[in-house]
């Protein structure tokens, strides 16, 4: 007679059981992730396995309805003689899971012109009807002629991407160049590979004095919208519809995009001007390049 080997009891639910448990837990207020890990007591890990529930911030039990509280343990294999329980643990975690990539070429990354070693910032990423996936940078980084297919280098995080200049536009309402990147799949409107940028917004009088942000290679800087529909004489001629903000930009930031708190794109950095002894940054409307090029924001 064959002797049946006693099956070892599982310590954790199988994937299907876990998904059912997780689905229930994710319905609780403030819970945005779950995983199996070691329980912590008084800040120290124990040897006990538990279901970790991630929350933005912990809420006192007395401030929650009983149905909204995370139970101290979860029962599984309910219909089996091997019924098991797993302890739970609540911990404060980030509410986002960022995609891990080598780098994503997008707003705030740096473009370097190899001929001069001068640099500018990437503004936005577009799908162009002729050039495919491209990014914008400052048009004034390049000369009036001879720029077509000029090689550039793009620095994104710890990665480098070769690119070529496909088009340069310097007009009364625009200052941009289109850069085609060697690895087009790496292009997206992610600032520092995390913050999704878009859609477009043309500021109105209600936006004057609002706090907004410049997305530069050196970081995200808060500025104040000081004026709209600006009409200025610049080194390249008259420009109109410029957006003025307080000054937080430096050399090499040209082409950077201006966004509001929700990351809607307002403008692309052209340069700066001085008014009554104070320096202000000037941005051309960000919707102009895609409109002029019949392109779409990625």
Protein backbone atom coordinates (compact mmCIF):
# COMPACT_ATOMS: atom_id res chain seq x y z
CA UNK A 1 0.00 0.00 0.00
CA UNK A 2 1.47 3.34 -1.08
CA UNK A 3 2.04 5.81 1.69
CA UNK A 4 0.65 9.23 0.87
CA UNK A 5 3.12 12.00 1.47
CA UNK A 6 1.66 14.73 3.63
CA UNK A 7 1.54 17.97 1.70
CA UNK A 8 3.31 20.87 3.28
CA UNK A 9 0.89 23.67 4.19
CA UNK A 10 1.38 26.82 2.17
CA UNK A 11 2.47 29.88 4.10
CA UNK A 12 0.88 32.37 1.72
CA UNK A 13 -2.17 32.28 -0.59
CA UNK A 14 -1.74 31.33 -4.24
CA UNK A 15 -1.86 34.21 -6.78
CA UNK A 16 -5.60 33.90 -7.43
CA UNK A 17 -6.39 33.93 -3.72
CA UNK A 18 -4.05 36.85 -3.16
CA UNK A 19 -5.71 38.91 -5.90
CA UNK A 20 -9.10 38.38 -4.25
CA UNK A 21 -7.70 39.46 -0.87
CA UNK A 22 -5.92 42.45 -2.41
CA UNK A 23 -9.07 43.55 -4.24
CA UNK A 24 -10.93 43.69 -0.93
CA UNK A 25 -8.13 45.56 0.85
CA UNK A 26 -7.74 48.11 -1.97
CA UNK A 27 -11.35 49.16 -1.41
CA UNK A 28 -10.37 50.53 1.99
CA UNK A 29 -9.80 54.30 2.16
CA UNK A 30 -6.24 55.42 1.54
CA UNK A 31 -4.91 51.94 0.58
CA UNK A 32 -3.01 52.03 -2.74
CA UNK A 33 -0.78 48.93 -2.66
CA UNK A 34 -0.42 45.49 -1.07
CA UNK A 35 2.37 42.93 -0.96
CA UNK A 36 3.70 40.03 1.10
CA UNK A 37 6.55 40.95 3.41
CA UNK A 38 7.81 40.74 6.95
CA UNK A 39 5.82 42.44 9.65
CA UNK A 40 7.43 45.32 11.52
CA UNK A 41 6.90 45.94 15.21
CA UNK A 42 8.18 49.14 16.84
CA UNK A 43 10.01 49.92 13.61
CA UNK A 44 11.91 46.60 13.52
CA UNK A 45 11.32 43.66 11.19
CA UNK A 46 10.05 40.43 12.72
CA UNK A 47 10.21 36.92 11.24
CA UNK A 48 6.43 36.85 10.73
CA UNK A 49 5.05 37.04 7.19
CA UNK A 50 2.24 39.50 6.71
CA UNK A 51 0.20 41.30 4.09
CA UNK A 52 1.62 44.81 3.93
CA UNK A 53 -0.95 47.50 3.10
CA UNK A 54 0.54 50.74 1.77
CA UNK A 55 -1.21 54.02 2.57
CA UNK A 56 -0.40 57.69 1.92
CA UNK A 57 -0.66 58.38 5.63
CA UNK A 58 -1.87 56.42 8.61
CA UNK A 59 -5.28 57.23 10.08
CA UNK A 60 -6.20 56.50 13.70
CA UNK A 61 -8.62 53.58 14.07
CA UNK A 62 -11.11 55.71 15.97
CA UNK A 63 -11.31 58.05 12.96
CA UNK A 64 -12.39 55.22 10.66
CA UNK A 65 -15.68 53.36 10.43
CA UNK A 66 -15.35 49.70 11.35
CA UNK A 67 -15.94 48.60 7.74
CA UNK A 68 -13.10 50.85 6.58
CA UNK A 69 -10.50 49.49 8.99
CA UNK A 70 -7.84 47.04 7.82
CA UNK A 71 -8.30 43.84 9.86
CA UNK A 72 -5.38 42.71 12.01
CA UNK A 73 -5.27 39.42 10.10
CA UNK A 74 -6.72 37.83 6.96
CA UNK A 75 -8.10 34.29 6.85
CA UNK A 76 -7.58 32.17 3.74
CA UNK A 77 -8.21 28.56 2.73
CA UNK A 78 -11.51 29.13 4.52
CA UNK A 79 -13.16 26.03 3.06
CA UNK A 80 -10.20 23.75 3.83
CA UNK A 81 -9.07 21.86 6.89
CA UNK A 82 -5.79 23.74 6.44
CA UNK A 83 -7.39 27.13 7.12
CA UNK A 84 -4.71 29.74 7.59
CA UNK A 85 -4.38 33.34 8.70
CA UNK A 86 -1.91 36.01 7.74
CA UNK A 87 -1.23 39.05 9.85
CA UNK A 88 -1.53 42.49 8.24
CA UNK A 89 0.72 45.49 8.59
CA UNK A 90 0.02 49.09 7.57
CA UNK A 91 2.87 51.23 6.32
CA UNK A 92 3.20 54.64 4.68
CA UNK A 93 4.44 54.34 1.08
CA UNK A 94 4.57 56.30 -2.16
CA UNK A 95 1.27 56.23 -4.01
CA UNK A 96 2.93 55.71 -7.42
CA UNK A 97 4.89 52.94 -9.07
CA UNK A 98 7.24 54.52 -11.61
CA UNK A 99 8.23 52.63 -14.73
CA UNK A 100 11.87 51.59 -14.64
CA UNK A 101 13.63 52.50 -17.85
CA UNK A 102 17.18 53.43 -18.67
CA UNK A 103 15.87 56.93 -19.40
CA UNK A 104 13.02 58.66 -21.16
CA UNK A 105 13.93 61.61 -23.38
CA UNK A 106 11.51 64.39 -22.58
CA UNK A 107 10.93 67.78 -20.94
CA UNK A 108 13.87 69.07 -18.92
CA UNK A 109 16.52 66.87 -20.50
CA UNK A 110 19.57 68.60 -21.98
CA UNK A 111 20.47 69.00 -25.66
CA UNK A 112 24.10 69.78 -26.49
CA UNK A 113 25.19 71.17 -29.85
CA UNK A 114 28.39 69.27 -30.57
CA UNK A 115 29.87 71.98 -32.82
CA UNK A 116 29.88 74.60 -30.07
CA UNK A 117 29.27 72.57 -26.88
CA UNK A 118 26.43 74.98 -26.06
CA UNK A 119 23.30 73.50 -24.56
CA UNK A 120 19.56 74.04 -24.17
CA UNK A 121 16.65 72.17 -22.64
CA UNK A 122 14.07 69.89 -24.20
CA UNK A 123 10.61 71.43 -24.07
CA UNK A 124 8.01 68.93 -25.28
CA UNK A 125 7.73 65.69 -27.28
CA UNK A 126 5.60 65.57 -30.44
CA UNK A 127 4.44 63.16 -33.12
CA UNK A 128 5.32 64.96 -36.35
CA UNK A 129 3.64 64.05 -39.69
CA UNK A 130 7.00 64.13 -41.51
CA UNK A 131 9.67 63.36 -38.88
CA UNK A 132 7.80 61.00 -36.57
CA UNK A 133 8.56 61.26 -32.84
CA UNK A 134 10.58 64.41 -32.13
CA UNK A 135 11.38 66.72 -29.23
CA UNK A 136 11.61 70.51 -29.21
CA UNK A 137 14.43 72.69 -27.97
CA UNK A 138 15.43 76.35 -28.36
CA UNK A 139 15.67 77.37 -32.03
CA UNK A 140 18.25 80.04 -31.26
CA UNK A 141 20.73 77.33 -30.25
CA UNK A 142 21.33 76.77 -33.99
CA UNK A 143 22.35 79.06 -36.88
CA UNK A 144 19.99 80.39 -39.56
CA UNK A 145 21.32 77.95 -42.15
CA UNK A 146 23.37 74.78 -42.28
CA UNK A 147 21.65 73.24 -39.27
CA UNK A 148 19.73 70.54 -41.18
CA UNK A 149 20.70 67.06 -39.94
CA UNK A 150 23.32 68.56 -37.62
CA UNK A 151 24.21 66.02 -34.92
CA UNK A 152 23.46 66.76 -31.27
CA UNK A 153 23.73 64.78 -28.05
CA UNK A 154 20.87 64.46 -25.57
CA UNK A 155 21.57 63.80 -21.91
CA UNK A 156 18.74 62.14 -19.99
CA UNK A 157 19.50 60.86 -16.51
CA UNK A 158 22.55 58.63 -16.82
CA UNK A 159 21.95 57.96 -20.52
CA UNK A 160 23.04 59.67 -23.73
CA UNK A 161 21.12 59.66 -27.00
CA UNK A 162 22.41 60.89 -30.37
CA UNK A 163 20.00 63.10 -32.28
CA UNK A 164 19.78 65.24 -35.40
CA UNK A 165 18.24 68.66 -36.04
CA UNK A 166 15.38 68.36 -38.52
CA UNK A 167 13.93 71.88 -38.48
CA UNK A 168 14.51 75.32 -36.94
CA UNK A 169 11.82 78.01 -36.60
CA UNK A 170 12.41 81.58 -35.45
CA UNK A 171 9.26 83.66 -35.79
CA UNK A 172 7.33 86.40 -34.03
CA UNK A 173 5.51 83.80 -31.91
CA UNK A 174 7.96 80.90 -31.88
CA UNK A 175 11.55 79.92 -31.14
CA UNK A 176 12.06 76.18 -31.49
CA UNK A 177 13.99 73.41 -33.19
CA UNK A 178 12.81 69.85 -33.83
CA UNK A 179 15.22 67.11 -32.80
CA UNK A 180 14.92 63.53 -34.03
CA UNK A 181 16.33 61.08 -31.48
CA UNK A 182 18.18 57.92 -32.51
CA UNK A 183 15.97 55.76 -30.29
CA UNK A 184 12.52 57.17 -30.95
CA UNK A 185 10.80 54.72 -28.59
CA UNK A 186 12.60 56.40 -25.69
CA UNK A 187 10.73 59.70 -26.25
CA UNK A 188 7.81 60.77 -24.05
CA UNK A 189 6.52 63.83 -22.18
CA UNK A 190 7.89 62.71 -18.82
CA UNK A 191 9.84 65.22 -16.75
CA UNK A 192 12.77 63.44 -15.09
CA UNK A 193 11.14 60.13 -16.12
CA UNK A 194 8.31 60.65 -13.62
CA UNK A 195 5.95 63.58 -14.13
CA UNK A 196 3.67 63.40 -17.18
CA UNK A 197 3.43 66.75 -18.98
CA UNK A 198 0.37 67.97 -20.93
CA UNK A 199 -2.05 69.06 -22.32
CA UNK A 200 -1.61 72.65 -23.59
CA UNK A 201 -3.00 75.73 -21.88
CA UNK A 202 -2.98 79.32 -23.10
CA UNK A 203 -3.04 81.53 -19.97
CA UNK A 204 -5.74 84.15 -19.56
CA UNK A 205 -6.04 87.20 -17.31
CA UNK A 206 -7.21 84.87 -14.50
CA UNK A 207 -3.78 83.21 -14.59
CA UNK A 208 -1.79 86.37 -13.84
CA UNK A 209 -0.10 86.11 -10.41
CA UNK A 210 -0.56 82.33 -10.33
CA UNK A 211 2.31 80.10 -9.22
CA UNK A 212 3.68 77.98 -12.08
CA UNK A 213 6.78 75.85 -12.70
CA UNK A 214 9.72 75.85 -15.10
CA UNK A 215 10.95 72.32 -15.89
CA UNK A 216 14.69 72.70 -16.42
CA UNK A 217 17.60 70.23 -16.53
CA UNK A 218 18.60 71.58 -13.12
CA UNK A 219 15.22 71.00 -11.49
CA UNK A 220 11.62 72.17 -11.25
CA UNK A 221 11.43 75.79 -10.13
CA UNK A 222 8.37 77.68 -8.95
CA UNK A 223 7.81 81.10 -10.52
CA UNK A 224 4.93 83.56 -10.70
CA UNK A 225 3.09 84.51 -13.87
CA UNK A 226 3.63 88.27 -14.14
CA UNK A 227 2.11 88.96 -17.56
CA UNK A 228 0.59 87.54 -20.73
CA UNK A 229 0.32 88.62 -24.38
CA UNK A 230 3.73 90.25 -24.14
CA UNK A 231 5.01 92.16 -27.19
CA UNK A 232 8.78 92.63 -27.06
CA UNK A 233 11.63 93.52 -29.35
CA UNK A 234 14.28 90.83 -29.01
CA UNK A 235 17.68 90.11 -30.53
CA UNK A 236 15.90 88.13 -33.25
CA UNK A 237 13.17 90.72 -33.91
CA UNK A 238 9.72 91.44 -32.55
CA UNK A 239 7.93 88.68 -30.66
CA UNK A 240 4.33 88.64 -29.47
CA UNK A 241 2.09 86.63 -27.13
CA UNK A 242 4.99 86.08 -24.74
CA UNK A 243 4.33 84.93 -21.18
CA UNK A 244 6.37 86.69 -18.48
CA UNK A 245 7.30 85.11 -15.17
CA UNK A 246 9.63 85.87 -12.31
CA UNK A 247 13.18 84.80 -13.10
CA UNK A 248 14.50 81.37 -12.01
CA UNK A 249 16.35 80.27 -15.15
CA UNK A 250 20.00 80.23 -16.15
CA UNK A 251 22.06 79.83 -19.32
CA UNK A 252 21.28 76.46 -20.90
CA UNK A 253 17.64 76.46 -19.78
CA UNK A 254 16.35 77.91 -23.08
CA UNK A 255 13.60 75.73 -24.53
CA UNK A 256 12.37 74.60 -21.08
CA UNK A 257 8.62 74.29 -20.70
CA UNK A 258 6.43 76.25 -18.32
CA UNK A 259 3.63 74.27 -16.67
CA UNK A 260 0.97 74.83 -14.04
CA UNK A 261 0.35 72.71 -10.93
CA UNK A 262 -1.44 70.07 -13.04
CA UNK A 263 1.45 70.00 -15.55
CA UNK A 264 -0.56 71.58 -18.37
CA UNK A 265 2.00 73.19 -20.72
CA UNK A 266 1.91 76.98 -21.03
CA UNK A 267 5.08 78.06 -22.79
CA UNK A 268 8.63 77.36 -23.98
CA UNK A 269 11.46 79.49 -22.64
CA UNK A 270 12.82 82.06 -25.11
CA UNK A 271 14.96 84.27 -22.89
CA UNK A 272 14.75 87.04 -20.33
CA UNK A 273 14.12 90.76 -20.07
CA UNK A 274 14.69 93.46 -17.48
CA UNK A 275 11.85 95.73 -16.32
CA UNK A 276 12.43 98.45 -13.72
CA UNK A 277 15.59 96.72 -12.56
CA UNK A 278 13.95 93.30 -12.17
CA UNK A 279 14.67 90.32 -14.43
CA UNK A 280 11.84 88.24 -15.88
CA UNK A 281 11.79 85.03 -17.94
CA UNK A 282 9.91 85.11 -21.27
CA UNK A 283 8.11 82.12 -22.80
CA UNK A 284 6.61 81.67 -26.27
CA UNK A 285 3.20 79.90 -26.33
CA UNK A 286 3.74 76.13 -26.23
CA UNK A 287 0.81 75.33 -28.52
CA UNK A 288 2.45 77.13 -31.49
CA UNK A 289 5.00 74.43 -32.55
CA UNK A 290 2.43 71.59 -32.85
CA UNK A 291 -0.07 73.95 -34.52
CA UNK A 292 2.50 75.20 -37.03
CA UNK A 293 3.84 71.69 -37.66
CA UNK A 294 0.45 69.96 -37.70
CA UNK A 295 1.88 67.70 -34.98
CA UNK A 296 0.42 66.22 -31.81
CA UNK A 297 1.62 66.19 -28.22
CA UNK A 298 2.79 62.72 -27.24
